Amino acid sequence: MDTKITLSFDEDTIKKAKAYAKSQNISLSRLTEFLYRQIISGDYRSLEELPIADWVDRVAEGEPEYRTKPRSRKAARNESFEKKNKK
């Protein structure tokens, strides 16, 4: 079942992403879904490790800017705990 979401992006980024999706004969929605599937399918510790970096470089002007929310103390503690348990 498909679910609709609303996202906000820089207008220039959307124009380039639409053009890229069209060149790949897929919709922007399916391209976005593909990128999300890439993100959730791997064990990535940061955005820089994602395999979509090449795509980001192609559609963005300049260096990509990742906007993240500051981690809560609880999230930082949980991450530290998980790292210790992996060793």
PDB file of N, CA and C in Angstrom:
ATOM      1  N   MET A   1       0.840  -1.176   0.000  1.00  0.00           N
ATOM      2  CA  MET A   1       0.000   0.000   0.000  1.00  0.00           C
ATOM      3  C   MET A   1       0.889   1.243   0.000  1.00  0.00           C
ATOM      4  N   ASP A   2       0.630   2.143  -0.885  1.00  0.00           N
ATOM      5  CA  ASP A   2       1.379   3.391  -0.941  1.00  0.00           C
ATOM      6  C   ASP A   2       0.810   4.392   0.058  1.00  0.00           C
ATOM      7  N   THR A   3       1.695   5.164   0.652  1.00  0.00           N
ATOM      8  CA  THR A   3       1.309   6.213   1.589  1.00  0.00           C
ATOM      9  C   THR A   3       1.895   7.519   1.097  1.00  0.00           C
ATOM     10  N   LYS A   4       1.106   8.573   1.129  1.00  0.00           N
ATOM     11  CA  LYS A   4       1.581   9.875   0.677  1.00  0.00           C
ATOM     12  C   LYS A   4       2.229  10.623   1.838  1.00  0.00           C
ATOM     13  N   ILE A   5       3.308  11.354   1.505  1.00  0.00           N
ATOM     14  CA  ILE A   5       3.974  12.211   2.477  1.00  0.00           C
ATOM     15  C   ILE A   5       4.239  13.556   1.819  1.00  0.00           C
ATOM     16  N   THR A   6       4.494  14.548   2.619  1.00  0.00           N
ATOM     17  CA  THR A   6       4.835  15.875   2.115  1.00  0.00           C
ATOM     18  C   THR A   6       6.258  16.196   2.544  1.00  0.00           C
ATOM     19  N   LEU A   7       7.090  16.571   1.584  1.00  0.00           N
ATOM     20  CA  LEU A   7       8.477  16.921   1.856  1.00  0.00           C
ATOM     21  C   LEU A   7       8.750  18.312   1.321  1.00  0.00           C
ATOM     22  N   SER A   8       9.696  19.012   1.921  1.00  0.00           N
ATOM     23  CA  SER A   8      10.094  20.338   1.458  1.00  0.00           C
ATOM     24  C   SER A   8      11.558  20.304   1.067  1.00  0.00           C
ATOM     25  N   PHE A   9      11.837  20.769  -0.157  1.00  0.00           N
ATOM     26  CA  PHE A   9      13.198  20.811  -0.677  1.00  0.00           C
ATOM     27  C   PHE A   9      13.434  22.152  -1.345  1.00  0.00           C
ATOM     28  N   ASP A  10      14.690  22.477  -1.520  1.00  0.00           N
ATOM     29  CA  ASP A  10      15.090  23.643  -2.287  1.00  0.00           C
ATOM     30  C   ASP A  10      14.562  23.482  -3.720  1.00  0.00           C
ATOM     31  N   GLU A  11      14.012  24.534  -4.292  1.00  0.00           N
ATOM     32  CA  GLU A  11      13.391  24.475  -5.617  1.00  0.00           C
ATOM     33  C   GLU A  11      14.355  23.982  -6.697  1.00  0.00           C
ATOM     34  N   ASP A  12      15.590  24.442  -6.668  1.00  0.00           N
ATOM     35  CA  ASP A  12      16.572  24.029  -7.668  1.00  0.00           C
ATOM     36  C   ASP A  12      16.882  22.536  -7.554  1.00  0.00           C
ATOM     37  N   THR A  13      16.950  22.046  -6.333  1.00  0.00           N
ATOM     38  CA  THR A  13      17.203  20.619  -6.112  1.00  0.00           C
ATOM     39  C   THR A  13      16.071  19.789  -6.699  1.00  0.00           C
ATOM     40  N   ILE A  14      14.838  20.220  -6.499  1.00  0.00           N
ATOM     41  CA  ILE A  14      13.686  19.485  -7.038  1.00  0.00           C
ATOM     42  C   ILE A  14      13.724  19.482  -8.559  1.00  0.00           C
ATOM     43  N   LYS A  15      14.035  20.609  -9.169  1.00  0.00           N
ATOM     44  CA  LYS A  15      14.110  20.662 -10.631  1.00  0.00           C
ATOM     45  C   LYS A  15      15.128  19.657 -11.161  1.00  0.00           C
ATOM     46  N   LYS A  16      16.299  19.630 -10.531  1.00  0.00           N
ATOM     47  CA  LYS A  16      17.347  18.701 -10.968  1.00  0.00           C
ATOM     48  C   LYS A  16      16.966  17.251 -10.685  1.00  0.00           C
ATOM     49  N   ALA A  17      16.340  17.008  -9.548  1.00  0.00           N
ATOM     50  CA  ALA A  17      15.923  15.646  -9.211  1.00  0.00           C
ATOM     51  C   ALA A  17      14.851  15.158 -10.187  1.00  0.00           C
ATOM     52  N   LYS A  18      13.924  16.023 -10.560  1.00  0.00           N
ATOM     53  CA  LYS A  18      12.891  15.651 -11.538  1.00  0.00           C
ATOM     54  C   LYS A  18      13.526  15.323 -12.885  1.00  0.00           C
ATOM     55  N   ALA A  19      14.481  16.129 -13.298  1.00  0.00           N
ATOM     56  CA  ALA A  19      15.163  15.879 -14.569  1.00  0.00           C
ATOM     57  C   ALA A  19      15.918  14.559 -14.516  1.00  0.00           C
ATOM     58  N   TYR A  20      16.570  14.297 -13.401  1.00  0.00           N
ATOM     59  CA  TYR A  20      17.306  13.035 -13.254  1.00  0.00           C
ATOM     60  C   TYR A  20      16.340  11.855 -13.284  1.00  0.00           C
ATOM     61  N   ALA A  21      15.239  11.952 -12.564  1.00  0.00           N
ATOM     62  CA  ALA A  21      14.246  10.872 -12.548  1.00  0.00           C
ATOM     63  C   ALA A  21      13.709  10.626 -13.959  1.00  0.00           C
ATOM     64  N   LYS A  22      13.418  11.702 -14.667  1.00  0.00           N
ATOM     65  CA  LYS A  22      12.909  11.569 -16.039  1.00  0.00           C
ATOM     66  C   LYS A  22      13.942  10.872 -16.929  1.00  0.00           C
ATOM     67  N   SER A  23      15.207  11.209 -16.766  1.00  0.00           N
ATOM     68  CA  SER A  23      16.253  10.582 -17.583  1.00  0.00           C
ATOM     69  C   SER A  23      16.389   9.090 -17.267  1.00  0.00           C
ATOM     70  N   GLN A  24      15.935   8.682 -16.087  1.00  0.00           N
ATOM     71  CA  GLN A  24      15.985   7.280 -15.684  1.00  0.00           C
ATOM     72  C   GLN A  24      14.644   6.563 -15.910  1.00  0.00           C
ATOM     73  N   ASN A  25      13.694   7.289 -16.509  1.00  0.00           N
ATOM     74  CA  ASN A  25      12.349   6.759 -16.814  1.00  0.00           C
ATOM     75  C   ASN A  25      11.615   6.281 -15.566  1.00  0.00           C
ATOM     76  N   ILE A  26      11.739   7.041 -14.465  1.00  0.00           N
ATOM     77  CA  ILE A  26      10.965   6.759 -13.266  1.00  0.00           C
ATOM     78  C   ILE A  26      10.400   8.068 -12.738  1.00  0.00           C
ATOM     79  N   SER A  27       9.399   7.949 -11.883  1.00  0.00           N
ATOM     80  CA  SER A  27       8.823   9.152 -11.287  1.00  0.00           C
ATOM     81  C   SER A  27       9.710   9.636 -10.141  1.00  0.00           C
ATOM     82  N   LEU A  28       9.516  10.886  -9.778  1.00  0.00           N
ATOM     83  CA  LEU A  28      10.258  11.433  -8.645  1.00  0.00           C
ATOM     84  C   LEU A  28       9.883  10.682  -7.364  1.00  0.00           C
ATOM     85  N   SER A  29       8.628  10.277  -7.244  1.00  0.00           N
ATOM     86  CA  SER A  29       8.203   9.501  -6.075  1.00  0.00           C
ATOM     87  C   SER A  29       8.957   8.183  -5.988  1.00  0.00           C
ATOM     88  N   ARG A  30       9.092   7.478  -7.099  1.00  0.00           N
ATOM     89  CA  ARG A  30       9.797   6.192  -7.090  1.00  0.00           C
ATOM     90  C   ARG A  30      11.290   6.390  -6.854  1.00  0.00           C
ATOM     91  N   LEU A  31      11.851   7.466  -7.375  1.00  0.00           N
ATOM     92  CA  LEU A  31      13.257   7.766  -7.114  1.00  0.00           C
ATOM     93  C   LEU A  31      13.467   8.007  -5.623  1.00  0.00           C
ATOM     94  N   THR A  32      12.581   8.786  -5.024  1.00  0.00           N
ATOM     95  CA  THR A  32      12.667   9.066  -3.597  1.00  0.00           C
ATOM     96  C   THR A  32      12.523   7.776  -2.794  1.00  0.00           C
ATOM     97  N   GLU A  33      11.574   6.932  -3.192  1.00  0.00           N
ATOM     98  CA  GLU A  33      11.397   5.648  -2.515  1.00  0.00           C
ATOM     99  C   GLU A  33      12.655   4.793  -2.636  1.00  0.00           C
ATOM    100  N   PHE A  34      13.265   4.783  -3.818  1.00  0.00           N
ATOM    101  CA  PHE A  34      14.506   4.038  -4.028  1.00  0.00           C
ATOM    102  C   PHE A  34      15.598   4.526  -3.078  1.00  0.00           C
ATOM    103  N   LEU A  35      15.730   5.842  -2.957  1.00  0.00           N
ATOM    104  CA  LEU A  35      16.751   6.403  -2.081  1.00  0.00           C
ATOM    105  C   LEU A  35      16.493   6.034  -0.621  1.00  0.00           C
ATOM    106  N   TYR A  36      15.234   6.087  -0.194  1.00  0.00           N
ATOM    107  CA  TYR A  36      14.905   5.672   1.171  1.00  0.00           C
ATOM    108  C   TYR A  36      15.221   4.196   1.381  1.00  0.00           C
ATOM    109  N   ARG A  37      14.937   3.363   0.388  1.00  0.00           N
ATOM    110  CA  ARG A  37      15.254   1.937   0.506  1.00  0.00           C
ATOM    111  C   ARG A  37      16.770   1.737   0.660  1.00  0.00           C
ATOM    112  N   GLN A  38      17.550   2.525  -0.065  1.00  0.00           N
ATOM    113  CA  GLN A  38      19.005   2.440   0.072  1.00  0.00           C
ATOM    114  C   GLN A  38      19.432   2.789   1.497  1.00  0.00           C
ATOM    115  N   ILE A  39      18.828   3.816   2.036  1.00  0.00           N
ATOM    116  CA  ILE A  39      19.185   4.276   3.378  1.00  0.00           C
ATOM    117  C   ILE A  39      18.870   3.211   4.419  1.00  0.00           C
ATOM    118  N   ILE A  40      17.694   2.623   4.347  1.00  0.00           N
ATOM    119  CA  ILE A  40      17.265   1.703   5.403  1.00  0.00           C
ATOM    120  C   ILE A  40      17.773   0.282   5.204  1.00  0.00           C
ATOM    121  N   SER A  41      18.383  -0.022   4.059  1.00  0.00           N
ATOM    122  CA  SER A  41      18.826  -1.392   3.806  1.00  0.00           C
ATOM    123  C   SER A  41      20.218  -1.691   4.352  1.00  0.00           C
ATOM    124  N   GLY A  42      20.973  -0.679   4.700  1.00  0.00           N
ATOM    125  CA  GLY A  42      22.347  -0.896   5.141  1.00  0.00           C
ATOM    126  C   GLY A  42      22.583  -0.505   6.574  1.00  0.00           C
ATOM    127  N   ASP A  43      23.789  -0.754   7.008  1.00  0.00           N
ATOM    128  CA  ASP A  43      24.189  -0.411   8.364  1.00  0.00           C
ATOM    129  C   ASP A  43      25.094   0.812   8.282  1.00  0.00           C
ATOM    130  N   TYR A  44      24.479   1.979   8.167  1.00  0.00           N
ATOM    131  CA  TYR A  44      25.227   3.218   7.983  1.00  0.00           C
ATOM    132  C   TYR A  44      25.233   4.010   9.283  1.00  0.00           C
ATOM    133  N   ARG A  45      26.408   4.471   9.667  1.00  0.00           N
ATOM    134  CA  ARG A  45      26.537   5.245  10.903  1.00  0.00           C
ATOM    135  C   ARG A  45      26.359   6.739  10.660  1.00  0.00           C
ATOM    136  N   SER A  46      26.485   7.175   9.418  1.00  0.00           N
ATOM    137  CA  SER A  46      26.321   8.598   9.129  1.00  0.00           C
ATOM    138  C   SER A  46      25.813   8.766   7.702  1.00  0.00           C
ATOM    139  N   LEU A  47      25.350   9.958   7.391  1.00  0.00           N
ATOM    140  CA  LEU A  47      24.844  10.231   6.046  1.00  0.00           C
ATOM    141  C   LEU A  47      25.939  10.136   4.992  1.00  0.00           C
ATOM    142  N   GLU A  48      27.169  10.445   5.379  1.00  0.00           N
ATOM    143  CA  GLU A  48      28.272  10.418   4.432  1.00  0.00           C
ATOM    144  C   GLU A  48      28.590   9.002   3.949  1.00  0.00           C
ATOM    145  N   GLU A  49      28.178   7.981   4.706  1.00  0.00           N
ATOM    146  CA  GLU A  49      28.442   6.595   4.330  1.00  0.00           C
ATOM    147  C   GLU A  49      27.418   6.033   3.347  1.00  0.00           C
ATOM    148  N   LEU A  50      26.348   6.741   3.115  1.00  0.00           N
ATOM    149  CA  LEU A  50      25.283   6.227   2.244  1.00  0.00           C
ATOM    150  C   LEU A  50      25.772   6.064   0.809  1.00  0.00           C
ATOM    151  N   PRO A  51      25.304   5.025   0.124  1.00  0.00           N
ATOM    152  CA  PRO A  51      25.737   4.793  -1.255  1.00  0.00           C
ATOM    153  C   PRO A  51      25.109   5.752  -2.258  1.00  0.00           C
ATOM    154  N   ILE A  52      24.323   6.708  -1.787  1.00  0.00           N
ATOM    155  CA  ILE A  52      23.690   7.645  -2.700  1.00  0.00           C
ATOM    156  C   ILE A  52      24.509   8.917  -2.893  1.00  0.00           C
ATOM    157  N   ALA A  53      25.702   8.936  -2.333  1.00  0.00           N
ATOM    158  CA  ALA A  53      26.525  10.144  -2.405  1.00  0.00           C
ATOM    159  C   ALA A  53      26.786  10.583  -3.840  1.00  0.00           C
ATOM    160  N   ASP A  54      26.993   9.632  -4.757  1.00  0.00           N
ATOM    161  CA  ASP A  54      27.227   9.991  -6.155  1.00  0.00           C
ATOM    162  C   ASP A  54      26.008  10.680  -6.745  1.00  0.00           C
ATOM    163  N   TRP A  55      24.821  10.186  -6.424  1.00  0.00           N
ATOM    164  CA  TRP A  55      23.601  10.804  -6.941  1.00  0.00           C
ATOM    165  C   TRP A  55      23.447  12.217  -6.388  1.00  0.00           C
ATOM    166  N   VAL A  56      23.716  12.389  -5.112  1.00  0.00           N
ATOM    167  CA  VAL A  56      23.622  13.716  -4.499  1.00  0.00           C
ATOM    168  C   VAL A  56      24.579  14.672  -5.200  1.00  0.00           C
ATOM    169  N   ASP A  57      25.796  14.203  -5.496  1.00  0.00           N
ATOM    170  CA  ASP A  57      26.766  15.046  -6.183  1.00  0.00           C
ATOM    171  C   ASP A  57      26.270  15.463  -7.564  1.00  0.00           C
ATOM    172  N   ARG A  58      25.549  14.575  -8.249  1.00  0.00           N
ATOM    173  CA  ARG A  58      25.076  14.894  -9.598  1.00  0.00           C
ATOM    174  C   ARG A  58      23.959  15.912  -9.612  1.00  0.00           C
ATOM    175  N   VAL A  59      23.068  15.878  -8.618  1.00  0.00           N
ATOM    176  CA  VAL A  59      21.915  16.778  -8.659  1.00  0.00           C
ATOM    177  C   VAL A  59      22.102  18.049  -7.842  1.00  0.00           C
ATOM    178  N   ALA A  60      23.125  18.108  -7.025  1.00  0.00           N
ATOM    179  CA  ALA A  60      23.334  19.283  -6.180  1.00  0.00           C
ATOM    180  C   ALA A  60      24.449  20.157  -6.744  1.00  0.00           C
ATOM    181  N   GLU A  61      24.333  21.429  -6.488  1.00  0.00           N
ATOM    182  CA  GLU A  61      25.417  22.343  -6.834  1.00  0.00           C
ATOM    183  C   GLU A  61      26.274  22.509  -5.591  1.00  0.00           C
ATOM    184  N   GLY A  62      27.552  22.312  -5.736  1.00  0.00           N
ATOM    185  CA  GLY A  62      28.443  22.445  -4.591  1.00  0.00           C
ATOM    186  C   GLY A  62      28.348  21.236  -3.677  1.00  0.00           C
ATOM    187  N   GLU A  63      28.890  21.393  -2.492  1.00  0.00           N
ATOM    188  CA  GLU A  63      28.897  20.315  -1.513  1.00  0.00           C
ATOM    189  C   GLU A  63      27.496  20.112  -0.939  1.00  0.00           C
ATOM    190  N   PRO A  64      27.095  18.853  -0.714  1.00  0.00           N
ATOM    191  CA  PRO A  64      25.786  18.625  -0.096  1.00  0.00           C
ATOM    192  C   PRO A  64      25.774  19.151   1.332  1.00  0.00           C
ATOM    193  N   GLU A  65      24.641  19.648   1.739  1.00  0.00           N
ATOM    194  CA  GLU A  65      24.482  20.161   3.099  1.00  0.00           C
ATOM    195  C   GLU A  65      23.474  19.282   3.806  1.00  0.00           C
ATOM    196  N   TYR A  66      23.922  18.584   4.826  1.00  0.00           N
ATOM    197  CA  TYR A  66      23.041  17.706   5.580  1.00  0.00           C
ATOM    198  C   TYR A  66      22.554  18.466   6.802  1.00  0.00           C
ATOM    199  N   ARG A  67      21.256  18.612   6.896  1.00  0.00           N
ATOM    200  CA  ARG A  67      20.684  19.307   8.043  1.00  0.00           C
ATOM    201  C   ARG A  67      20.133  18.261   8.998  1.00  0.00           C
ATOM    202  N   THR A  68      20.729  18.186  10.135  1.00  0.00           N
ATOM    203  CA  THR A  68      20.292  17.215  11.124  1.00  0.00           C
ATOM    204  C   THR A  68      19.898  17.923  12.399  1.00  0.00           C
ATOM    205  N   LYS A  69      19.036  17.270  13.141  1.00  0.00           N
ATOM    206  CA  LYS A  69      18.643  17.804  14.434  1.00  0.00           C
ATOM    207  C   LYS A  69      19.666  17.345  15.466  1.00  0.00           C
ATOM    208  N   PRO A  70      19.935  18.173  16.452  1.00  0.00           N
ATOM    209  CA  PRO A  70      20.866  17.748  17.499  1.00  0.00           C
ATOM    210  C   PRO A  70      20.324  16.490  18.200  1.00  0.00           C
ATOM    211  N   ARG A  71      21.234  15.583  18.520  1.00  0.00           N
ATOM    212  CA  ARG A  71      20.819  14.372  19.214  1.00  0.00           C
ATOM    213  C   ARG A  71      20.482  14.697  20.658  1.00  0.00           C
ATOM    214  N   SER A  72      19.490  14.018  21.149  1.00  0.00           N
ATOM    215  CA  SER A  72      19.158  14.176  22.566  1.00  0.00           C
ATOM    216  C   SER A  72      20.201  13.438  23.398  1.00  0.00           C
ATOM    217  N   ARG A  73      20.268  13.736  24.655  1.00  0.00           N
ATOM    218  CA  ARG A  73      21.199  13.040  25.538  1.00  0.00           C
ATOM    219  C   ARG A  73      20.878  11.553  25.572  1.00  0.00           C
ATOM    220  N   LYS A  74      19.581  11.242  25.539  1.00  0.00           N
ATOM    221  CA  LYS A  74      19.164   9.846  25.571  1.00  0.00           C
ATOM    222  C   LYS A  74      19.642   9.107  24.323  1.00  0.00           C
ATOM    223  N   ALA A  75      19.505   9.725  23.149  1.00  0.00           N
ATOM    224  CA  ALA A  75      19.946   9.101  21.902  1.00  0.00           C
ATOM    225  C   ALA A  75      21.463   8.896  21.904  1.00  0.00           C
ATOM    226  N   ALA A  76      22.206   9.880  22.378  1.00  0.00           N
ATOM    227  CA  ALA A  76      23.670   9.756  22.445  1.00  0.00           C
ATOM    228  C   ALA A  76      24.069   8.626  23.385  1.00  0.00           C
ATOM    229  N   ARG A  77      23.401   8.523  24.512  1.00  0.00           N
ATOM    230  CA  ARG A  77      23.688   7.458  25.473  1.00  0.00           C
ATOM    231  C   ARG A  77      23.381   6.091  24.863  1.00  0.00           C
ATOM    232  N   ASN A  78      22.233   5.971  24.199  1.00  0.00           N
ATOM    233  CA  ASN A  78      21.860   4.702  23.567  1.00  0.00           C
ATOM    234  C   ASN A  78      22.853   4.305  22.484  1.00  0.00           C
ATOM    235  N   GLU A  79      23.305   5.272  21.690  1.00  0.00           N
ATOM    236  CA  GLU A  79      24.281   4.991  20.636  1.00  0.00           C
ATOM    237  C   GLU A  79      25.595   4.508  21.247  1.00  0.00           C
ATOM    238  N   SER A  80      26.025   5.147  22.296  1.00  0.00           N
ATOM    239  CA  SER A  80      27.256   4.741  22.975  1.00  0.00           C
ATOM    240  C   SER A  80      27.112   3.323  23.530  1.00  0.00           C
ATOM    241  N   PHE A  81      25.979   3.035  24.128  1.00  0.00           N
ATOM    242  CA  PHE A  81      25.716   1.717  24.682  1.00  0.00           C
ATOM    243  C   PHE A  81      25.738   0.651  23.582  1.00  0.00           C
ATOM    244  N   GLU A  82      25.118   0.951  22.427  1.00  0.00           N
ATOM    245  CA  GLU A  82      25.090   0.002  21.325  1.00  0.00           C
ATOM    246  C   GLU A  82      26.498  -0.275  20.781  1.00  0.00           C
ATOM    247  N   LYS A  83      27.317   0.755  20.686  1.00  0.00           N
ATOM    248  CA  LYS A  83      28.694   0.585  20.198  1.00  0.00           C
ATOM    249  C   LYS A  83      29.487  -0.319  21.139  1.00  0.00           C
ATOM    250  N   LYS A  84      29.318  -0.137  22.416  1.00  0.00           N
ATOM    251  CA  LYS A  84      30.026  -0.960  23.388  1.00  0.00           C
ATOM    252  C   LYS A  84      29.598  -2.413  23.302  1.00  0.00           C
ATOM    253  N   ASN A  85      28.313  -2.646  23.035  1.00  0.00           N
ATOM    254  CA  ASN A  85      27.805  -4.018  22.955  1.00  0.00           C
ATOM    255  C   ASN A  85      28.210  -4.724  21.676  1.00  0.00           C
ATOM    256  N   LYS A  86      28.540  -3.987  20.628  1.00  0.00           N
ATOM    257  CA  LYS A  86      28.966  -4.600  19.354  1.00  0.00           C
ATOM    258  C   LYS A  86      30.372  -5.165  19.453  1.00  0.00           C
ATOM    259  N   LYS A  87      31.172  -4.632  20.345  1.00  0.00           N
ATOM    260  CA  LYS A  87      32.579  -5.063  20.457  1.00  0.00           C
ATOM    261  C   LYS A  87      32.702  -6.394  21.088  1.00  0.00           C
TER     262      LYS A  87
END
